[in-house]
Amino acid sequence: MTEDEPNPWARIIGPCYTVASMARALGWTEAEVMDAGHTLRLLMLVSDDDVYLFPAFQLCDGKVVDGLTDVLRVLQTGTQGRWTWAQWLNTPYPDGEPTAIEKMLAGRLDEILLEARHDAWSWSS
């Protein structure tokens, strides 16, 4: 990748909040945002230059998507790679099926938890 080429993760993950902008979006303090990132109440990514990023897809109408913590805890059993979790949550399926985060927004949390358990198991084997 050259300097002129966009980072492919930007296309996969989409827009992200910084700590300060996530705090504003949620009406939380920056300390609360960081704590939520460390305790998996929010998906927190760390860039190559040590900037904390929070994918925007995890919010809907100013609130964290229901069930996010449960899904992140399951994914954590397969890999500690938070960028992998973000990709898993937000990558469209080739057949046009909704992304995992879209399914969660549609109330299909049980289905996503089952898929997360299956994929986490495969990552860890």
C-alpha atoms as a PDB file:
ATOM      1  CA  MET A   1       0.000   0.000   0.000  1.00  0.00           C
ATOM      2  CA  THR A   2       1.411   3.356  -0.964  1.00  0.00           C
ATOM      3  CA  GLU A   3       0.794   6.657   0.795  1.00  0.00           C
ATOM      4  CA  ASP A   4      -1.782   7.631  -1.856  1.00  0.00           C
ATOM      5  CA  GLU A   5      -3.823   4.441  -1.476  1.00  0.00           C
ATOM      6  CA  PRO A   6      -6.537   4.471   1.159  1.00  0.00           C
ATOM      7  CA  ASN A   7      -6.184   2.007   3.996  1.00  0.00           C
ATOM      8  CA  PRO A   8      -8.373  -1.024   3.134  1.00  0.00           C
ATOM      9  CA  TRP A   9      -9.585  -1.143   6.743  1.00  0.00           C
ATOM     10  CA  ALA A  10     -11.321   2.205   6.223  1.00  0.00           C
ATOM     11  CA  ARG A  11     -13.562   0.614   3.599  1.00  0.00           C
ATOM     12  CA  ILE A  12     -14.242  -2.468   5.763  1.00  0.00           C
ATOM     13  CA  ILE A  13     -14.817  -0.709   9.085  1.00  0.00           C
ATOM     14  CA  GLY A  14     -16.301   2.532   7.853  1.00  0.00           C
ATOM     15  CA  PRO A  15     -16.246   5.807   9.770  1.00  0.00           C
ATOM     16  CA  CYS A  16     -14.905   5.834  13.308  1.00  0.00           C
ATOM     17  CA  TYR A  17     -15.191   8.055  16.337  1.00  0.00           C
ATOM     18  CA  THR A  18     -12.249   9.218  18.423  1.00  0.00           C
ATOM     19  CA  VAL A  19     -12.495   9.012  22.213  1.00  0.00           C
ATOM     20  CA  ALA A  20     -13.672  12.634  22.377  1.00  0.00           C
ATOM     21  CA  SER A  21     -16.221  12.340  19.574  1.00  0.00           C
ATOM     22  CA  MET A  22     -17.605   9.046  20.949  1.00  0.00           C
ATOM     23  CA  ALA A  23     -17.988  10.694  24.364  1.00  0.00           C
ATOM     24  CA  ARG A  24     -19.963  13.514  22.737  1.00  0.00           C
ATOM     25  CA  ALA A  25     -22.095  11.095  20.706  1.00  0.00           C
ATOM     26  CA  LEU A  26     -23.055   9.079  23.788  1.00  0.00           C
ATOM     27  CA  GLY A  27     -23.126  11.922  26.329  1.00  0.00           C
ATOM     28  CA  TRP A  28     -20.444  10.140  28.343  1.00  0.00           C
ATOM     29  CA  THR A  29     -17.097  11.288  29.704  1.00  0.00           C
ATOM     30  CA  GLU A  30     -13.935  10.284  27.871  1.00  0.00           C
ATOM     31  CA  ALA A  31     -13.021   8.103  30.868  1.00  0.00           C
ATOM     32  CA  GLU A  32     -16.359   6.274  30.543  1.00  0.00           C
ATOM     33  CA  VAL A  33     -15.713   5.697  26.838  1.00  0.00           C
ATOM     34  CA  MET A  34     -12.261   4.256  27.532  1.00  0.00           C
ATOM     35  CA  ASP A  35     -13.628   2.051  30.307  1.00  0.00           C
ATOM     36  CA  ALA A  36     -16.374   0.819  27.974  1.00  0.00           C
ATOM     37  CA  GLY A  37     -13.729   0.000  25.359  1.00  0.00           C
ATOM     38  CA  HIS A  38     -11.671  -1.979  27.855  1.00  0.00           C
ATOM     39  CA  THR A  39     -14.694  -3.877  29.226  1.00  0.00           C
ATOM     40  CA  LEU A  40     -16.187  -4.651  25.789  1.00  0.00           C
ATOM     41  CA  ARG A  41     -19.233  -2.438  26.204  1.00  0.00           C
ATOM     42  CA  LEU A  42     -17.852  -0.694  23.093  1.00  0.00           C
ATOM     43  CA  LEU A  43     -15.671  -2.008  20.301  1.00  0.00           C
ATOM     44  CA  MET A  44     -12.428  -0.077  20.637  1.00  0.00           C
ATOM     45  CA  LEU A  45      -9.686  -0.379  18.029  1.00  0.00           C
ATOM     46  CA  VAL A  46      -6.127   0.910  18.253  1.00  0.00           C
ATOM     47  CA  SER A  47      -4.504   2.299  15.108  1.00  0.00           C
ATOM     48  CA  ASP A  48      -0.871   1.761  14.149  1.00  0.00           C
ATOM     49  CA  ASP A  49      -0.077   5.172  15.627  1.00  0.00           C
ATOM     50  CA  ASP A  50      -1.813   4.368  18.957  1.00  0.00           C
ATOM     51  CA  VAL A  51      -5.022   6.308  18.315  1.00  0.00           C
ATOM     52  CA  TYR A  52      -8.142   4.800  19.875  1.00  0.00           C
ATOM     53  CA  LEU A  53     -10.965   4.421  17.355  1.00  0.00           C
ATOM     54  CA  PHE A  54     -14.589   3.407  17.823  1.00  0.00           C
ATOM     55  CA  PRO A  55     -16.421   2.202  14.692  1.00  0.00           C
ATOM     56  CA  ALA A  56     -19.580   4.216  14.084  1.00  0.00           C
ATOM     57  CA  PHE A  57     -21.534   1.090  13.091  1.00  0.00           C
ATOM     58  CA  GLN A  58     -21.849   0.115  16.764  1.00  0.00           C
ATOM     59  CA  LEU A  59     -24.160   3.063  17.441  1.00  0.00           C
ATOM     60  CA  CYS A  60     -27.748   3.528  16.338  1.00  0.00           C
ATOM     61  CA  ASP A  61     -29.755   6.622  17.245  1.00  0.00           C
ATOM     62  CA  GLY A  62     -27.096   7.689  19.755  1.00  0.00           C
ATOM     63  CA  LYS A  63     -27.078   4.368  21.619  1.00  0.00           C
ATOM     64  CA  VAL A  64     -24.869   1.287  21.577  1.00  0.00           C
ATOM     65  CA  VAL A  65     -26.406  -1.527  19.515  1.00  0.00           C
ATOM     66  CA  ASP A  66     -28.219  -3.968  21.809  1.00  0.00           C
ATOM     67  CA  GLY A  67     -26.263  -7.145  22.439  1.00  0.00           C
ATOM     68  CA  LEU A  68     -22.881  -5.770  21.343  1.00  0.00           C
ATOM     69  CA  THR A  69     -21.132  -6.706  24.584  1.00  0.00           C
ATOM     70  CA  ASP A  70     -22.467 -10.266  24.416  1.00  0.00           C
ATOM     71  CA  VAL A  71     -21.251 -10.682  20.842  1.00  0.00           C
ATOM     72  CA  LEU A  72     -17.818  -9.169  21.574  1.00  0.00           C
ATOM     73  CA  ARG A  73     -17.354 -11.484  24.566  1.00  0.00           C
ATOM     74  CA  VAL A  74     -18.095 -14.491  22.377  1.00  0.00           C
ATOM     75  CA  LEU A  75     -15.766 -13.319  19.593  1.00  0.00           C
ATOM     76  CA  GLN A  76     -13.024 -12.767  22.190  1.00  0.00           C
ATOM     77  CA  THR A  77     -13.040 -16.505  22.932  1.00  0.00           C
ATOM     78  CA  GLY A  78     -11.758 -17.133  19.407  1.00  0.00           C
ATOM     79  CA  THR A  79      -9.288 -14.288  18.906  1.00  0.00           C
ATOM     80  CA  GLN A  80      -8.115 -11.163  20.688  1.00  0.00           C
ATOM     81  CA  GLY A  81      -7.962  -9.389  17.310  1.00  0.00           C
ATOM     82  CA  ARG A  82     -10.381  -6.498  17.624  1.00  0.00           C
ATOM     83  CA  TRP A  83      -9.884  -5.547  13.970  1.00  0.00           C
ATOM     84  CA  THR A  84     -11.062  -9.080  13.141  1.00  0.00           C
ATOM     85  CA  TRP A  85     -14.157  -8.536  15.304  1.00  0.00           C
ATOM     86  CA  ALA A  86     -14.884  -5.271  13.504  1.00  0.00           C
ATOM     87  CA  GLN A  87     -14.524  -6.962  10.138  1.00  0.00           C
ATOM     88  CA  TRP A  88     -16.769  -9.833  11.277  1.00  0.00           C
ATOM     89  CA  LEU A  89     -19.454  -7.407  12.424  1.00  0.00           C
ATOM     90  CA  ASN A  90     -19.456  -5.107   9.402  1.00  0.00           C
ATOM     91  CA  THR A  91     -18.457  -7.080   6.294  1.00  0.00           C
ATOM     92  CA  PRO A  92     -21.304  -7.670   3.852  1.00  0.00           C
ATOM     93  CA  TYR A  93     -21.915 -11.218   2.727  1.00  0.00           C
ATOM     94  CA  PRO A  94     -21.307 -11.929  -0.983  1.00  0.00           C
ATOM     95  CA  ASP A  95     -24.925 -13.038  -1.469  1.00  0.00           C
ATOM     96  CA  GLY A  96     -26.294  -9.696  -0.246  1.00  0.00           C
ATOM     97  CA  GLU A  97     -27.263 -11.018   3.175  1.00  0.00           C
ATOM     98  CA  PRO A  98     -27.152  -8.286   5.869  1.00  0.00           C
ATOM     99  CA  THR A  99     -23.998  -7.791   7.926  1.00  0.00           C
ATOM    100  CA  ALA A 100     -23.887  -9.122  11.477  1.00  0.00           C
ATOM    101  CA  ILE A 101     -24.416  -5.625  12.874  1.00  0.00           C
ATOM    102  CA  GLU A 102     -27.425  -5.114  10.561  1.00  0.00           C
ATOM    103  CA  LYS A 103     -28.889  -8.395  11.790  1.00  0.00           C
ATOM    104  CA  MET A 104     -28.392  -7.246  15.381  1.00  0.00           C
ATOM    105  CA  LEU A 105     -30.189  -3.985  14.588  1.00  0.00           C
ATOM    106  CA  ALA A 106     -33.037  -6.063  13.131  1.00  0.00           C
ATOM    107  CA  GLY A 107     -33.397  -7.938  16.447  1.00  0.00           C
ATOM    108  CA  ARG A 108     -31.664 -11.127  15.299  1.00  0.00           C
ATOM    109  CA  LEU A 109     -29.242 -11.261  18.242  1.00  0.00           C
ATOM    110  CA  ASP A 110     -29.726 -14.981  18.969  1.00  0.00           C
ATOM    111  CA  GLU A 111     -28.772 -15.824  15.379  1.00  0.00           C
ATOM    112  CA  ILE A 112     -25.673 -13.626  15.583  1.00  0.00           C
ATOM    113  CA  LEU A 113     -24.602 -15.102  18.917  1.00  0.00           C
ATOM    114  CA  LEU A 114     -24.837 -18.575  17.381  1.00  0.00           C
ATOM    115  CA  GLU A 115     -22.756 -17.469  14.367  1.00  0.00           C
ATOM    116  CA  ALA A 116     -20.259 -15.766  16.693  1.00  0.00           C
ATOM    117  CA  ARG A 117     -19.841 -18.938  18.778  1.00  0.00           C
ATOM    118  CA  HIS A 118     -19.285 -20.993  15.627  1.00  0.00           C
ATOM    119  CA  ASP A 119     -16.753 -18.581  14.139  1.00  0.00           C
ATOM    120  CA  ALA A 120     -14.928 -18.029  17.439  1.00  0.00           C
ATOM    121  CA  TRP A 121     -14.606 -21.777  17.813  1.00  0.00           C
ATOM    122  CA  SER A 122     -13.183 -22.083  14.297  1.00  0.00           C
ATOM    123  CA  TRP A 123     -10.706 -19.247  14.921  1.00  0.00           C
ATOM    124  CA  SER A 124      -9.429 -20.899  18.084  1.00  0.00           C
ATOM    125  CA  SER A 125      -9.002 -24.410  16.644  1.00  0.00           C
END
